[in-house]
Structures are given as C-alpha cells and as structure tokens.
N, C-alpha and C. Protein backbone atom coordinates (compact mmCIF):
# COMPACT_ATOMS: atom_id res chain seq x y z
N MET A 1 1.03 -1.22 -0.30
CA MET A 1 0.28 0.14 0.33
C MET A 1 1.01 1.21 -0.08
N LEU A 2 0.44 1.99 -0.65
CA LEU A 2 1.50 3.84 -0.92
C LEU A 2 0.59 4.31 -0.19
N ALA A 3 1.10 5.02 0.72
CA ALA A 3 0.33 6.20 1.40
C ALA A 3 1.42 7.18 1.57
N PHE A 4 1.51 8.62 1.27
CA PHE A 4 1.54 9.72 1.47
C PHE A 4 0.92 10.63 2.06
N PRO A 5 1.47 11.89 2.44
CA PRO A 5 0.39 12.72 3.63
C PRO A 5 -0.05 13.43 2.61
N ARG A 6 -1.16 14.02 3.18
CA ARG A 6 -1.86 14.70 2.30
C ARG A 6 -1.02 16.46 1.76
N SER A 7 -0.50 16.61 2.41
CA SER A 7 0.21 17.75 1.67
C SER A 7 1.41 17.56 0.60
N VAL A 8 1.44 16.23 -0.12
CA VAL A 8 1.97 15.80 -1.02
C VAL A 8 2.05 16.15 -2.19
N ARG A 9 2.64 16.94 -3.59
CA ARG A 9 1.82 16.96 -4.77
C ARG A 9 2.51 15.76 -5.53
N ILE A 10 1.42 15.38 -6.21
CA ILE A 10 1.59 14.10 -6.72
C ILE A 10 1.54 14.74 -8.12
N PHE A 11 2.26 14.25 -9.13
CA PHE A 11 2.48 14.48 -10.60
C PHE A 11 1.85 13.48 -11.57
N VAL A 12 1.23 13.13 -12.53
CA VAL A 12 1.67 12.01 -13.44
C VAL A 12 1.62 13.07 -15.04
N ALA A 13 2.53 12.16 -15.41
CA ALA A 13 3.34 12.30 -16.66
C ALA A 13 1.93 11.94 -17.90
N VAL A 14 1.18 12.79 -18.45
CA VAL A 14 0.37 11.81 -19.11
C VAL A 14 0.72 11.30 -20.26
N GLU A 15 1.86 11.89 -20.71
CA GLU A 15 2.71 11.37 -22.18
C GLU A 15 3.72 10.38 -21.37
N PRO A 16 3.45 8.95 -22.47
CA PRO A 16 4.70 7.85 -22.13
C PRO A 16 6.09 7.68 -22.03
N VAL A 17 6.52 6.54 -20.93
CA VAL A 17 7.97 7.26 -20.87
C VAL A 17 8.83 5.80 -20.53
N ASP A 18 9.80 6.16 -21.22
CA ASP A 18 10.76 4.73 -21.49
C ASP A 18 10.88 4.09 -20.27
N MET A 19 10.07 2.95 -19.90
CA MET A 19 10.44 2.15 -18.83
C MET A 19 11.81 1.99 -18.27
N ARG A 20 12.88 2.14 -19.71
CA ARG A 20 14.30 2.03 -19.10
C ARG A 20 15.07 2.10 -18.55
N LYS A 21 14.36 4.28 -18.11
CA LYS A 21 14.75 5.19 -17.22
C LYS A 21 14.90 4.76 -15.67
N GLN A 22 16.15 5.05 -15.30
CA GLN A 22 16.06 4.96 -14.24
C GLN A 22 15.97 6.00 -13.19
N TYR A 23 17.08 6.27 -12.24
CA TYR A 23 17.10 7.72 -11.63
C TYR A 23 17.38 9.10 -12.20
N ASP A 24 18.32 9.19 -13.34
CA ASP A 24 18.48 10.32 -13.66
C ASP A 24 17.83 10.41 -15.04
N GLY A 25 17.39 9.51 -15.52
CA GLY A 25 16.61 9.78 -16.73
C GLY A 25 14.89 10.44 -16.28
N LEU A 26 14.83 9.87 -15.17
CA LEU A 26 13.14 9.69 -14.46
C LEU A 26 13.53 11.59 -14.12
N TRP A 27 14.32 11.67 -13.64
CA TRP A 27 14.80 13.01 -12.95
C TRP A 27 14.71 13.99 -13.84
N LEU A 28 15.18 13.45 -15.23
CA LEU A 28 15.43 14.47 -16.20
C LEU A 28 14.05 15.09 -16.78
N ALA A 29 12.93 13.59 -16.78
CA ALA A 29 11.62 13.94 -17.68
C ALA A 29 10.87 14.72 -16.63
N ALA A 30 11.06 14.07 -15.21
CA ALA A 30 10.13 15.61 -14.25
C ALA A 30 10.49 17.15 -14.73
N GLN A 31 11.76 17.03 -14.69
CA GLN A 31 12.38 18.72 -15.09
C GLN A 31 11.90 19.11 -16.50
N SER A 32 11.54 18.15 -17.61
CA SER A 32 12.00 18.38 -18.66
C SER A 32 10.58 18.37 -19.53
N GLN A 33 9.72 17.15 -18.88
CA GLN A 33 8.17 16.78 -19.50
C GLN A 33 7.61 17.22 -18.95
N LEU A 34 7.79 17.30 -17.11
CA LEU A 34 6.57 18.06 -16.96
C LEU A 34 6.81 19.51 -15.74
N GLY A 35 7.95 20.06 -16.04
CA GLY A 35 8.30 21.63 -15.80
C GLY A 35 8.06 21.60 -14.33
N GLU A 36 8.74 20.24 -13.77
CA GLU A 36 8.86 20.85 -12.03
C GLU A 36 10.37 20.30 -11.50
N ASN A 37 10.33 20.40 -10.68
CA ASN A 37 11.85 20.57 -9.98
C ASN A 37 11.50 19.20 -8.88
N PRO A 38 12.41 18.11 -9.26
CA PRO A 38 11.84 16.85 -8.08
C PRO A 38 12.16 17.63 -6.42
N LYS A 39 13.23 18.46 -6.32
CA LYS A 39 13.66 18.79 -4.74
C LYS A 39 12.70 19.20 -4.31
N ASP A 40 11.11 19.89 -4.79
CA ASP A 40 10.41 20.54 -4.42
C ASP A 40 9.47 19.59 -3.36
N GLY A 41 9.53 18.21 -3.62
CA GLY A 41 9.16 16.88 -2.82
C GLY A 41 7.82 16.33 -3.31
N ALA A 42 7.72 16.76 -4.75
CA ALA A 42 6.47 16.06 -5.33
C ALA A 42 6.58 14.42 -5.65
N VAL A 43 5.75 13.81 -6.10
CA VAL A 43 6.24 12.59 -6.54
C VAL A 43 6.16 12.69 -7.57
N PHE A 44 6.12 11.95 -8.65
CA PHE A 44 5.89 12.06 -10.03
C PHE A 44 6.07 10.86 -10.59
N CYS A 45 4.70 10.40 -11.45
CA CYS A 45 4.32 9.33 -12.02
C CYS A 45 4.71 9.21 -13.13
N PHE A 46 4.95 8.17 -13.75
CA PHE A 46 5.27 7.57 -15.36
C PHE A 46 4.53 6.23 -15.85
N THR A 47 4.32 6.57 -16.80
CA THR A 47 4.06 4.78 -17.27
C THR A 47 4.50 5.19 -18.28
N ASN A 48 4.55 3.38 -19.44
CA ASN A 48 4.85 3.43 -20.27
C ASN A 48 3.74 3.38 -21.59
N ARG A 49 3.95 3.09 -22.73
CA ARG A 49 3.10 3.37 -23.77
C ARG A 49 1.77 2.38 -23.47
N GLU A 50 1.57 1.34 -22.88
CA GLU A 50 0.93 0.21 -23.07
C GLU A 50 0.00 0.60 -21.23
N ARG A 51 0.42 1.50 -20.66
CA ARG A 51 0.15 1.92 -19.01
C ARG A 51 0.29 0.41 -18.32
N THR A 52 1.23 -0.21 -18.83
CA THR A 52 1.12 -1.37 -17.56
C THR A 52 2.12 -1.36 -16.90
N ARG A 53 3.38 -0.50 -16.73
CA ARG A 53 3.87 -0.31 -16.16
C ARG A 53 4.22 1.23 -15.08
N LEU A 54 4.27 1.29 -14.26
CA LEU A 54 4.74 2.30 -13.71
C LEU A 54 5.46 2.64 -13.05
N LYS A 55 6.18 3.83 -12.75
CA LYS A 55 7.48 3.93 -11.41
C LYS A 55 7.07 5.81 -11.04
N LEU A 56 7.36 5.67 -9.90
CA LEU A 56 6.92 6.72 -9.16
C LEU A 56 8.62 7.54 -8.97
N LEU A 57 8.53 8.40 -9.09
CA LEU A 57 9.89 9.31 -8.51
C LEU A 57 9.83 10.54 -7.38
N TYR A 58 10.42 10.00 -6.28
CA TYR A 58 10.37 10.84 -4.98
C TYR A 58 11.86 11.25 -4.38
N TRP A 59 11.42 12.84 -4.38
CA TRP A 59 12.74 12.80 -3.20
C TRP A 59 12.85 12.59 -1.85
N ASP A 60 13.08 12.17 -1.68
CA ASP A 60 13.01 12.11 0.27
C ASP A 60 13.72 13.42 0.66
N GLY A 61 14.37 13.64 0.35
CA GLY A 61 15.16 14.79 1.57
C GLY A 61 16.99 14.21 1.10
N THR A 62 16.84 13.01 1.59
CA THR A 62 18.51 12.17 1.49
C THR A 62 18.92 12.34 0.09
N GLY A 63 17.60 11.33 -0.49
CA GLY A 63 18.09 10.68 -2.00
C GLY A 63 16.68 10.34 -2.60
N VAL A 64 16.80 10.33 -3.41
CA VAL A 64 15.80 9.49 -4.64
C VAL A 64 15.00 8.03 -4.76
N VAL A 65 14.48 8.26 -4.54
CA VAL A 65 13.77 6.89 -4.29
C VAL A 65 12.47 6.52 -5.44
N ILE A 66 12.38 5.23 -6.06
CA ILE A 66 11.85 4.72 -6.90
C ILE A 66 11.30 3.70 -6.87
N VAL A 67 9.88 3.95 -6.64
CA VAL A 67 8.97 2.22 -6.86
C VAL A 67 8.31 2.57 -8.18
N ALA A 68 8.47 1.38 -8.55
CA ALA A 68 7.66 0.41 -9.57
C ALA A 68 6.73 -0.83 -9.56
N LYS A 69 5.82 -0.68 -10.52
CA LYS A 69 4.93 -1.37 -10.65
C LYS A 69 4.73 -2.19 -11.96
N ARG A 70 4.42 -3.76 -12.14
CA ARG A 70 4.05 -3.55 -13.14
C ARG A 70 2.81 -4.56 -13.25
N LEU A 71 1.52 -4.52 -14.11
CA LEU A 71 0.33 -5.06 -13.61
C LEU A 71 0.94 -6.46 -14.66
N GLU A 72 0.13 -7.51 -14.12
CA GLU A 72 -0.16 -8.86 -15.19
C GLU A 72 -1.55 -8.76 -16.07
N SER A 73 -2.19 -8.44 -15.47
CA SER A 73 -2.87 -8.02 -16.69
C SER A 73 -3.75 -6.77 -16.54
N GLY A 74 -4.63 -6.06 -17.29
CA GLY A 74 -5.01 -4.37 -17.22
C GLY A 74 -4.37 -3.45 -17.75
N ARG A 75 -4.81 -2.30 -17.74
CA ARG A 75 -3.89 -1.10 -17.31
C ARG A 75 -4.16 0.08 -16.59
N PHE A 76 -3.11 0.76 -16.34
CA PHE A 76 -3.25 1.93 -15.46
C PHE A 76 -4.38 2.84 -16.28
N SER A 77 -5.20 3.40 -15.67
CA SER A 77 -6.07 4.34 -16.22
C SER A 77 -5.97 5.91 -15.93
N TRP A 78 -6.17 6.94 -17.15
CA TRP A 78 -5.55 8.04 -16.78
C TRP A 78 -6.07 8.68 -18.24
N PRO A 79 -6.50 10.20 -18.06
CA PRO A 79 -6.17 10.51 -19.24
C PRO A 79 -5.19 10.11 -20.68
N GLU A 80 -5.48 10.23 -22.00
CA GLU A 80 -5.00 10.23 -23.24
C GLU A 80 -4.21 11.64 -23.23
N PRO A 81 -2.58 11.43 -23.45
CA PRO A 81 -2.19 12.80 -23.91
C PRO A 81 -2.92 14.06 -24.81
N SER A 82 -2.72 15.13 -24.46
CA SER A 82 -3.14 16.21 -25.32
C SER A 82 -2.29 16.94 -25.64
N GLU A 83 -2.14 18.07 -26.53
CA GLU A 83 -1.54 19.28 -26.78
C GLU A 83 -1.43 19.70 -25.85
N THR A 84 -2.73 20.14 -24.74
CA THR A 84 -2.73 21.17 -23.96
C THR A 84 -2.19 20.70 -22.39
N LYS A 85 -2.42 19.40 -22.37
CA LYS A 85 -2.39 18.26 -20.93
C LYS A 85 -1.12 17.56 -21.11
N ARG A 86 0.12 17.56 -20.16
CA ARG A 86 1.14 17.25 -20.12
C ARG A 86 0.76 16.48 -18.95
N LYS A 87 0.21 16.93 -17.89
CA LYS A 87 0.24 16.28 -16.88
C LYS A 87 -0.61 16.09 -15.87
N LEU A 88 -0.91 15.10 -15.13
CA LEU A 88 -1.77 15.70 -14.10
C LEU A 88 -1.65 15.83 -12.56
N SER A 89 -2.63 16.43 -12.40
CA SER A 89 -1.99 16.58 -10.46
C SER A 89 -3.23 15.93 -10.07
N LEU A 90 -2.94 14.63 -8.92
CA LEU A 90 -4.09 13.80 -7.92
C LEU A 90 -3.48 14.09 -6.70
N THR A 91 -4.44 13.61 -5.82
CA THR A 91 -4.04 13.95 -4.63
C THR A 91 -3.62 12.27 -3.91
N PRO A 92 -3.23 12.30 -2.94
CA PRO A 92 -2.33 11.15 -2.33
C PRO A 92 -3.73 9.82 -2.60
N GLU A 93 -4.29 10.23 -2.24
CA GLU A 93 -5.99 9.21 -2.14
C GLU A 93 -6.23 8.53 -3.44
N ALA A 94 -6.42 9.46 -4.59
CA ALA A 94 -6.37 9.16 -5.76
C ALA A 94 -5.16 8.32 -6.32
N LEU A 95 -4.35 8.87 -6.26
CA LEU A 95 -3.01 7.37 -6.59
C LEU A 95 -3.29 6.24 -6.14
N ALA A 96 -2.97 6.10 -5.06
CA ALA A 96 -3.59 4.84 -4.14
C ALA A 96 -4.54 4.28 -4.79
N LEU A 97 -5.91 4.48 -5.05
CA LEU A 97 -6.58 4.20 -6.09
C LEU A 97 -6.51 3.67 -7.11
N ILE A 98 -5.75 4.42 -8.16
CA ILE A 98 -5.33 3.95 -9.11
C ILE A 98 -4.22 2.39 -8.87
N VAL A 99 -3.42 3.00 -8.15
CA VAL A 99 -2.28 1.48 -7.98
C VAL A 99 -2.81 0.58 -8.10
N GLY A 100 -4.21 0.53 -6.87
CA GLY A 100 -4.94 -0.27 -6.67
C GLY A 100 -5.86 -0.99 -8.01
N GLY A 101 -5.82 -0.12 -8.50
CA GLY A 101 -6.92 -0.78 -9.49
C GLY A 101 -8.15 -0.39 -9.77
N VAL A 102 -8.21 0.84 -9.21
CA VAL A 102 -9.55 1.29 -9.28
C VAL A 102 -9.86 2.44 -10.45
N GLU A 103 -10.82 2.51 -10.88
CA GLU A 103 -11.18 3.40 -12.29
C GLU A 103 -11.77 4.78 -12.17
N LEU A 104 -11.20 5.97 -11.88
CA LEU A 104 -11.78 7.43 -11.11
C LEU A 104 -12.13 7.77 -12.17
N LYS A 105 -12.26 6.85 -13.51
CA LYS A 105 -13.00 7.80 -14.53
C LYS A 105 -14.69 7.92 -14.15
N GLY A 106 -15.19 9.32 -14.29
CA GLY A 106 -16.58 9.23 -13.83
C GLY A 106 -16.86 9.65 -11.85
N ALA A 107 -15.80 9.18 -11.18
CA ALA A 107 -16.42 9.28 -10.00
C ALA A 107 -16.09 10.76 -9.39
N ALA A 108 -16.19 10.79 -8.42
CA ALA A 108 -16.61 12.04 -7.83
C ALA A 108 -16.45 12.05 -6.47
N LEU A 109 -15.49 12.84 -6.07
CA LEU A 109 -15.97 13.37 -3.75
C LEU A 109 -17.57 13.52 -3.38
N LYS A 110 -17.95 13.00 -2.42
CA LYS A 110 -19.09 13.10 -2.59
C LYS A 110 -19.32 14.88 -1.28
N PRO A 111 -19.62 15.77 -1.54
CA PRO A 111 -20.11 17.39 -0.67
C PRO A 111 -19.75 17.26 0.49
N TRP A 112 -19.81 16.18 1.48
CA TRP A 112 -19.38 16.49 2.63
C TRP A 112 -17.44 15.70 2.58
N TYR A 113 -17.05 15.26 1.71
CA TYR A 113 -15.57 15.33 1.51
C TYR A 113 -14.77 16.28 0.77
N GLU A 114 -15.59 16.71 0.26
CA GLU A 114 -14.31 18.08 -0.36
C GLU A 114 -13.89 19.11 0.35
N ARG A 115 -12.44 19.35 0.08
CA ARG A 115 -11.49 20.24 0.81
C ARG A 115 -11.69 21.49 -0.19
C-alpha cells in the first residue's frame, strides 16, 4: 500500500516514458516533460505506452526513491495525452486508488468530503 501525506503534491506524466529510464532519466523527465523541480518534494508518476508499468519518482530529502509496479493484466487508467495537457495533478488518495486498480473515471467526491 502506498501512503503519502495529504500535503505531498503528485504529478502524473500523461505522455508515456521509456521504462528503461532509472534515477537520472526520470529526474530529467520530471524537469523537462513536466516542468517541475523534483527536489520540491512532489511525487512524479510515469507509465509506459501500454500503461502496464508504473514508476514513481520521489525525493525524500536525502536521496531519490523509485517505486515500480508491473501489472500482470489490465492497464493503469488516466486521460490520453493532448497538446494542452502534459501532466495531471492528483491527491495521494487518488494515486493509491489508481495503483490499487480502481478506475476514477466518472468518480466524484461526496459534497461532505470535498476540501
């Protein structure tokens, strides 16, 4: 189970990334593709073209952490890339649901839960 504090920002790269990339390659993708500084403490999510593999990049203050997941069947679900949308911003709860296999399409927070 993945759990990040509510204060952590999470960015998802909508465009696929070569999953052979490791620390330096994903760090560069966070900077160039997403326009963010990885040392700002955000979590960066990258998938392959088929959306069957996921890598998370996170700077914990002392070093870079990479978490990887490969699905045996199915795909991770988020919008297709477009010219205007290169990244998504998610809450930690939404990321946990996506990694856990929940489709967020059409889902909405209850009015009493919205912050």
